[in-house]
N, C-alpha and C. Protein backbone atom coordinates (compact mmCIF):
# COMPACT_ATOMS: atom_id res chain seq x y z
N MET A 1 122.20 47.07 147.61
CA MET A 1 123.29 47.85 148.15
C MET A 1 122.90 49.33 148.13
N LYS A 2 123.10 50.01 149.25
CA LYS A 2 122.77 51.42 149.34
C LYS A 2 123.80 52.26 148.62
N LYS A 3 123.32 53.24 147.90
CA LYS A 3 124.22 54.19 147.25
C LYS A 3 124.79 55.12 148.31
N SER A 4 126.12 55.25 148.34
CA SER A 4 126.70 56.13 149.35
C SER A 4 126.50 57.57 148.93
N ARG A 5 126.25 58.41 149.90
CA ARG A 5 126.01 59.82 149.64
C ARG A 5 127.34 60.55 149.55
N LYS A 6 127.38 61.51 148.66
CA LYS A 6 128.56 62.35 148.52
C LYS A 6 128.66 63.26 149.75
N ARG A 7 129.84 63.32 150.32
CA ARG A 7 130.04 64.23 151.44
C ARG A 7 130.02 65.66 150.92
N PRO A 8 129.31 66.54 151.60
CA PRO A 8 129.30 67.94 151.16
C PRO A 8 130.69 68.55 151.36
N THR A 9 130.99 69.55 150.54
CA THR A 9 132.29 70.21 150.60
C THR A 9 132.12 71.67 150.97
N ALA A 10 133.11 72.20 151.67
CA ALA A 10 133.07 73.60 152.08
C ALA A 10 134.45 74.22 151.88
N LEU A 11 134.44 75.48 151.50
CA LEU A 11 135.66 76.28 151.43
C LEU A 11 135.56 77.36 152.48
N ILE A 12 136.56 77.41 153.36
CA ILE A 12 136.64 78.47 154.37
C ILE A 12 137.73 79.43 153.90
N VAL A 13 137.39 80.70 153.79
CA VAL A 13 138.37 81.73 153.45
C VAL A 13 138.43 82.68 154.63
N GLU A 14 139.49 82.55 155.41
CA GLU A 14 139.59 83.23 156.71
C GLU A 14 141.07 83.33 157.07
N ASP A 15 141.50 84.48 157.58
CA ASP A 15 142.91 84.66 157.91
C ASP A 15 143.24 84.37 159.37
N ASN A 16 142.25 84.14 160.21
CA ASN A 16 142.48 83.85 161.62
C ASN A 16 142.51 82.33 161.82
N GLU A 17 143.67 81.80 162.21
CA GLU A 17 143.84 80.35 162.37
C GLU A 17 142.88 79.75 163.40
N HIS A 18 142.60 80.49 164.47
CA HIS A 18 141.69 79.98 165.50
C HIS A 18 140.27 79.84 164.95
N VAL A 19 139.84 80.82 164.18
CA VAL A 19 138.51 80.76 163.57
C VAL A 19 138.44 79.60 162.58
N ILE A 20 139.50 79.44 161.78
CA ILE A 20 139.55 78.32 160.83
C ILE A 20 139.41 77.00 161.57
N TYR A 21 140.16 76.83 162.64
CA TYR A 21 140.12 75.59 163.41
C TYR A 21 138.70 75.30 163.90
N LEU A 22 138.03 76.31 164.46
CA LEU A 22 136.68 76.10 164.98
C LEU A 22 135.68 75.80 163.87
N LEU A 23 135.79 76.52 162.75
CA LEU A 23 134.88 76.26 161.62
C LEU A 23 135.12 74.87 161.04
N GLU A 24 136.39 74.49 160.88
CA GLU A 24 136.69 73.15 160.36
C GLU A 24 136.12 72.08 161.28
N PHE A 25 136.32 72.24 162.57
CA PHE A 25 135.81 71.27 163.55
C PHE A 25 134.29 71.15 163.44
N MET A 26 133.61 72.28 163.39
CA MET A 26 132.15 72.30 163.33
C MET A 26 131.65 71.63 162.05
N LEU A 27 132.24 71.98 160.92
CA LEU A 27 131.77 71.44 159.64
C LEU A 27 132.15 69.97 159.47
N GLU A 28 133.36 69.60 159.85
CA GLU A 28 133.77 68.19 159.72
C GLU A 28 132.91 67.29 160.59
N ARG A 29 132.52 67.78 161.76
CA ARG A 29 131.63 67.01 162.64
C ARG A 29 130.28 66.77 161.98
N GLU A 30 129.89 67.66 161.06
CA GLU A 30 128.63 67.52 160.32
C GLU A 30 128.81 66.75 159.02
N GLY A 31 130.01 66.23 158.77
CA GLY A 31 130.24 65.40 157.60
C GLY A 31 130.84 66.10 156.40
N PHE A 32 131.20 67.36 156.53
CA PHE A 32 131.79 68.10 155.42
C PHE A 32 133.25 67.73 155.20
N ARG A 33 133.67 67.79 153.95
CA ARG A 33 135.09 67.82 153.61
C ARG A 33 135.42 69.30 153.47
N VAL A 34 136.43 69.75 154.18
CA VAL A 34 136.71 71.19 154.28
C VAL A 34 138.08 71.52 153.70
N THR A 35 138.11 72.60 152.92
CA THR A 35 139.35 73.19 152.44
C THR A 35 139.40 74.59 153.01
N SER A 36 140.59 75.01 153.44
CA SER A 36 140.74 76.35 154.00
C SER A 36 141.80 77.13 153.24
N CYS A 37 141.53 78.41 153.07
CA CYS A 37 142.49 79.34 152.49
C CYS A 37 142.66 80.49 153.47
N THR A 38 143.91 80.91 153.70
CA THR A 38 144.17 81.92 154.72
C THR A 38 144.36 83.33 154.18
N ASP A 39 144.29 83.50 152.86
CA ASP A 39 144.34 84.86 152.31
C ASP A 39 143.62 84.88 150.96
N GLY A 40 143.39 86.09 150.47
CA GLY A 40 142.63 86.25 149.25
C GLY A 40 143.31 85.69 148.01
N ARG A 41 144.62 85.78 147.96
CA ARG A 41 145.34 85.26 146.79
C ARG A 41 145.23 83.74 146.72
N GLU A 42 145.39 83.09 147.86
CA GLU A 42 145.26 81.63 147.92
C GLU A 42 143.84 81.20 147.54
N ALA A 43 142.84 81.94 148.03
CA ALA A 43 141.45 81.62 147.70
C ALA A 43 141.18 81.81 146.21
N ALA A 44 141.69 82.90 145.63
CA ALA A 44 141.49 83.16 144.20
C ALA A 44 142.11 82.04 143.36
N ASP A 45 143.29 81.60 143.75
CA ASP A 45 143.96 80.51 143.02
C ASP A 45 143.16 79.21 143.15
N PHE A 46 142.66 78.92 144.34
CA PHE A 46 141.88 77.71 144.56
C PHE A 46 140.61 77.73 143.70
N ILE A 47 139.92 78.85 143.69
CA ILE A 47 138.68 78.96 142.91
C ILE A 47 138.96 78.79 141.42
N ALA A 48 140.06 79.37 140.95
CA ALA A 48 140.40 79.29 139.52
C ALA A 48 140.78 77.87 139.11
N ALA A 49 141.35 77.11 140.02
CA ALA A 49 141.91 75.80 139.66
C ALA A 49 141.07 74.61 140.09
N SER A 50 140.04 74.82 140.88
CA SER A 50 139.31 73.69 141.48
C SER A 50 137.85 73.66 141.04
N LYS A 51 137.27 72.48 141.19
CA LYS A 51 135.84 72.40 140.92
C LYS A 51 135.09 73.00 142.11
N PRO A 52 133.88 73.48 141.87
CA PRO A 52 133.15 74.18 142.93
C PRO A 52 132.87 73.30 144.15
N VAL A 53 132.82 73.96 145.29
CA VAL A 53 132.43 73.32 146.54
C VAL A 53 130.92 73.52 146.72
N ASP A 54 130.38 72.96 147.77
CA ASP A 54 128.95 73.10 148.04
C ASP A 54 128.59 74.40 148.76
N VAL A 55 129.55 74.95 149.51
CA VAL A 55 129.30 76.21 150.23
C VAL A 55 130.65 76.87 150.55
N VAL A 56 130.64 78.21 150.56
CA VAL A 56 131.83 78.99 150.91
C VAL A 56 131.51 79.82 152.14
N LEU A 57 132.41 79.79 153.13
CA LEU A 57 132.35 80.69 154.28
C LEU A 57 133.48 81.69 154.09
N LEU A 58 133.14 82.96 153.97
CA LEU A 58 134.07 83.98 153.50
C LEU A 58 134.18 85.15 154.45
N ASP A 59 135.40 85.40 154.92
CA ASP A 59 135.68 86.62 155.67
C ASP A 59 135.87 87.74 154.67
N LEU A 60 135.61 88.98 155.05
CA LEU A 60 135.78 90.09 154.13
C LEU A 60 137.16 90.73 154.23
N VAL A 61 137.74 90.73 155.42
CA VAL A 61 139.03 91.37 155.63
C VAL A 61 140.11 90.30 155.54
N LEU A 62 140.83 90.32 154.40
CA LEU A 62 141.83 89.30 154.11
C LEU A 62 143.09 89.96 153.55
N PRO A 63 144.25 89.33 153.74
CA PRO A 63 145.45 89.83 153.08
C PRO A 63 145.39 89.61 151.56
N TYR A 64 146.03 90.48 150.82
CA TYR A 64 146.23 90.42 149.37
C TYR A 64 144.99 90.75 148.55
N ARG A 65 143.89 90.07 148.76
CA ARG A 65 142.62 90.35 148.09
C ARG A 65 141.53 90.26 149.14
N ASP A 66 140.64 91.24 149.16
CA ASP A 66 139.61 91.20 150.20
C ASP A 66 138.46 90.29 149.78
N GLY A 67 137.57 90.08 150.72
CA GLY A 67 136.45 89.18 150.48
C GLY A 67 135.52 89.63 149.37
N PHE A 68 135.41 90.95 149.16
CA PHE A 68 134.57 91.44 148.07
C PHE A 68 135.15 91.03 146.71
N GLU A 69 136.47 91.05 146.59
CA GLU A 69 137.11 90.61 145.35
C GLU A 69 136.87 89.11 145.13
N ILE A 70 136.96 88.34 146.19
CA ILE A 70 136.74 86.89 146.08
C ILE A 70 135.28 86.62 145.72
N LEU A 71 134.37 87.34 146.35
CA LEU A 71 132.95 87.18 146.04
C LEU A 71 132.67 87.53 144.58
N SER A 72 133.30 88.57 144.09
CA SER A 72 133.15 88.97 142.70
C SER A 72 133.69 87.88 141.76
N GLN A 73 134.81 87.30 142.14
CA GLN A 73 135.38 86.21 141.33
C GLN A 73 134.43 85.01 141.29
N ILE A 74 133.88 84.66 142.43
CA ILE A 74 132.95 83.52 142.50
C ILE A 74 131.73 83.80 141.62
N ARG A 75 131.13 84.96 141.76
CA ARG A 75 129.91 85.27 141.00
C ARG A 75 130.19 85.44 139.51
N GLY A 76 131.43 85.73 139.14
CA GLY A 76 131.78 85.90 137.74
C GLY A 76 132.27 84.63 137.06
N ASP A 77 132.39 83.54 137.81
CA ASP A 77 132.89 82.28 137.27
C ASP A 77 131.71 81.37 136.95
N LYS A 78 131.65 80.88 135.69
CA LYS A 78 130.51 80.04 135.27
C LYS A 78 130.32 78.83 136.17
N LYS A 79 131.41 78.19 136.59
CA LYS A 79 131.31 76.97 137.40
C LYS A 79 130.93 77.30 138.84
N TRP A 80 131.38 78.41 139.36
CA TRP A 80 131.23 78.73 140.78
C TRP A 80 130.05 79.65 141.09
N ARG A 81 129.47 80.29 140.10
CA ARG A 81 128.54 81.40 140.37
C ARG A 81 127.34 81.03 141.22
N ASP A 82 126.91 79.76 141.21
CA ASP A 82 125.74 79.36 141.99
C ASP A 82 126.08 78.78 143.37
N VAL A 83 127.36 78.78 143.72
CA VAL A 83 127.77 78.26 145.03
C VAL A 83 127.30 79.24 146.11
N PRO A 84 126.60 78.75 147.13
CA PRO A 84 126.19 79.64 148.22
C PRO A 84 127.41 80.19 148.97
N VAL A 85 127.38 81.48 149.24
CA VAL A 85 128.45 82.14 149.98
C VAL A 85 127.86 82.77 151.23
N VAL A 86 128.40 82.35 152.38
CA VAL A 86 128.01 82.93 153.66
C VAL A 86 129.18 83.78 154.13
N VAL A 87 128.96 85.09 154.22
CA VAL A 87 130.00 85.99 154.70
C VAL A 87 130.03 85.91 156.22
N LEU A 88 131.25 85.79 156.76
CA LEU A 88 131.48 85.85 158.21
C LEU A 88 132.39 87.04 158.45
N SER A 89 131.87 88.06 159.12
CA SER A 89 132.68 89.27 159.25
C SER A 89 132.42 90.00 160.55
N ALA A 90 133.48 90.61 161.06
CA ALA A 90 133.34 91.48 162.22
C ALA A 90 132.75 92.82 161.80
N ARG A 91 132.73 93.08 160.50
CA ARG A 91 132.11 94.31 159.98
C ARG A 91 130.59 94.11 159.97
N THR A 92 129.94 94.67 160.96
CA THR A 92 128.50 94.42 161.11
C THR A 92 127.66 95.68 160.97
N MET A 93 128.27 96.77 160.54
CA MET A 93 127.48 97.99 160.30
C MET A 93 126.55 97.72 159.12
N GLU A 94 125.42 98.39 159.13
CA GLU A 94 124.42 98.16 158.09
C GLU A 94 125.02 98.30 156.70
N ARG A 95 125.85 99.31 156.47
CA ARG A 95 126.40 99.52 155.12
C ARG A 95 127.28 98.35 154.68
N ASP A 96 127.98 97.72 155.63
CA ASP A 96 128.82 96.56 155.29
C ASP A 96 127.96 95.35 154.93
N VAL A 97 126.92 95.13 155.71
CA VAL A 97 126.02 94.00 155.45
C VAL A 97 125.33 94.18 154.10
N VAL A 98 124.83 95.37 153.85
CA VAL A 98 124.16 95.65 152.58
C VAL A 98 125.14 95.48 151.42
N ARG A 99 126.35 96.00 151.57
CA ARG A 99 127.35 95.87 150.50
C ARG A 99 127.64 94.40 150.21
N GLY A 100 127.79 93.59 151.26
CA GLY A 100 128.06 92.16 151.09
C GLY A 100 126.93 91.44 150.38
N LEU A 101 125.70 91.73 150.78
CA LEU A 101 124.55 91.08 150.15
C LEU A 101 124.38 91.55 148.71
N GLU A 102 124.57 92.84 148.48
CA GLU A 102 124.46 93.36 147.11
C GLU A 102 125.57 92.83 146.20
N ALA A 103 126.71 92.49 146.79
CA ALA A 103 127.83 91.93 146.01
C ALA A 103 127.59 90.47 145.65
N GLY A 104 126.56 89.86 146.25
CA GLY A 104 126.22 88.49 145.87
C GLY A 104 126.27 87.46 146.97
N ALA A 105 126.54 87.88 148.20
CA ALA A 105 126.53 86.91 149.30
C ALA A 105 125.10 86.40 149.52
N ASN A 106 124.97 85.12 149.84
CA ASN A 106 123.66 84.55 150.14
C ASN A 106 123.23 84.87 151.56
N ASP A 107 124.21 85.10 152.43
CA ASP A 107 123.91 85.38 153.82
C ASP A 107 125.09 86.15 154.41
N TYR A 108 124.86 86.80 155.53
CA TYR A 108 125.88 87.62 156.19
C TYR A 108 125.76 87.38 157.68
N VAL A 109 126.80 86.85 158.29
CA VAL A 109 126.79 86.53 159.71
C VAL A 109 127.89 87.32 160.38
N GLY A 110 127.53 88.05 161.43
CA GLY A 110 128.50 88.87 162.16
C GLY A 110 129.32 88.04 163.14
N LYS A 111 130.57 88.48 163.34
CA LYS A 111 131.42 87.87 164.36
C LYS A 111 131.31 88.73 165.61
N PRO A 112 131.29 88.14 166.78
CA PRO A 112 131.31 86.69 167.00
C PRO A 112 129.96 86.08 166.60
N TYR A 113 130.01 84.84 166.19
CA TYR A 113 128.82 84.17 165.70
C TYR A 113 128.46 83.02 166.64
N ASN A 114 127.20 82.61 166.58
CA ASN A 114 126.72 81.45 167.31
C ASN A 114 126.92 80.24 166.39
N PRO A 115 127.71 79.24 166.79
CA PRO A 115 127.99 78.10 165.91
C PRO A 115 126.74 77.37 165.44
N ARG A 116 125.75 77.18 166.30
CA ARG A 116 124.54 76.47 165.88
C ARG A 116 123.75 77.27 164.85
N GLU A 117 123.68 78.59 165.04
CA GLU A 117 122.99 79.44 164.07
C GLU A 117 123.74 79.43 162.74
N LEU A 118 125.06 79.53 162.80
CA LEU A 118 125.85 79.51 161.56
C LEU A 118 125.64 78.21 160.80
N LEU A 119 125.68 77.10 161.51
CA LEU A 119 125.49 75.80 160.87
C LEU A 119 124.09 75.71 160.24
N ALA A 120 123.08 76.22 160.93
CA ALA A 120 121.72 76.21 160.38
C ALA A 120 121.66 77.05 159.11
N ARG A 121 122.34 78.17 159.09
CA ARG A 121 122.36 79.02 157.89
C ARG A 121 123.09 78.33 156.74
N VAL A 122 124.20 77.68 157.05
CA VAL A 122 124.95 76.96 156.01
C VAL A 122 124.07 75.88 155.40
N LYS A 123 123.43 75.09 156.24
CA LYS A 123 122.57 74.02 155.74
C LYS A 123 121.42 74.56 154.91
N ARG A 124 120.88 75.69 155.30
CA ARG A 124 119.76 76.29 154.57
C ARG A 124 120.18 76.68 153.15
N HIS A 125 121.41 77.06 153.00
CA HIS A 125 121.86 77.53 151.69
C HIS A 125 122.43 76.43 150.79
N MET A 126 122.54 75.24 151.33
CA MET A 126 123.04 74.13 150.51
C MET A 126 122.04 73.87 149.39
N HIS A 127 122.54 73.60 148.21
CA HIS A 127 121.66 73.38 147.05
C HIS A 127 120.66 72.29 147.33
N ASP A 128 119.42 72.63 147.35
CA ASP A 128 118.23 71.80 147.54
C ASP A 128 118.38 70.67 148.55
N GLY A 129 119.33 70.80 149.48
CA GLY A 129 119.45 69.83 150.56
C GLY A 129 120.11 68.53 150.17
N ASP A 130 120.38 68.29 148.89
CA ASP A 130 120.94 67.00 148.46
C ASP A 130 122.25 66.68 149.14
N ALA A 131 123.14 67.66 149.22
CA ALA A 131 124.47 67.40 149.78
C ALA A 131 124.42 67.07 151.26
N MET A 132 123.37 67.51 151.95
CA MET A 132 123.26 67.24 153.38
C MET A 132 122.45 65.99 153.68
N GLY A 133 122.02 65.30 152.64
CA GLY A 133 121.29 64.07 152.86
C GLY A 133 119.85 64.30 153.24
N ALA A 134 119.33 65.48 152.97
CA ALA A 134 117.94 65.77 153.32
C ALA A 134 116.98 65.15 152.32
């Protein structure tokens, strides 16, 4: 009997419902179980109360708590600190990208983004490929 593979999990932290819908569709089609949070407070509560996901897609401009605060929370949490975080942001000036990467993001993708490129980046950052069945 074949051992079934664990479906990879993703957390989307994004305040735009249309973007959430597209990201969920893209990731679920690739086999991910997806959880979405629409503001920083909801994301902070989820991170504090839940076991880590395999990857986080994080917008920087959010209500209540911004993406930098969420990134800081992730990197400061023993359980979550090694979770890959891909920032998705319309803030694409060099200083914003550098700030995001220096804050601990594994990658930084500007909006609008190419879905195939984003998916390739997400897969690249998954822990040693195990969750993607590689």
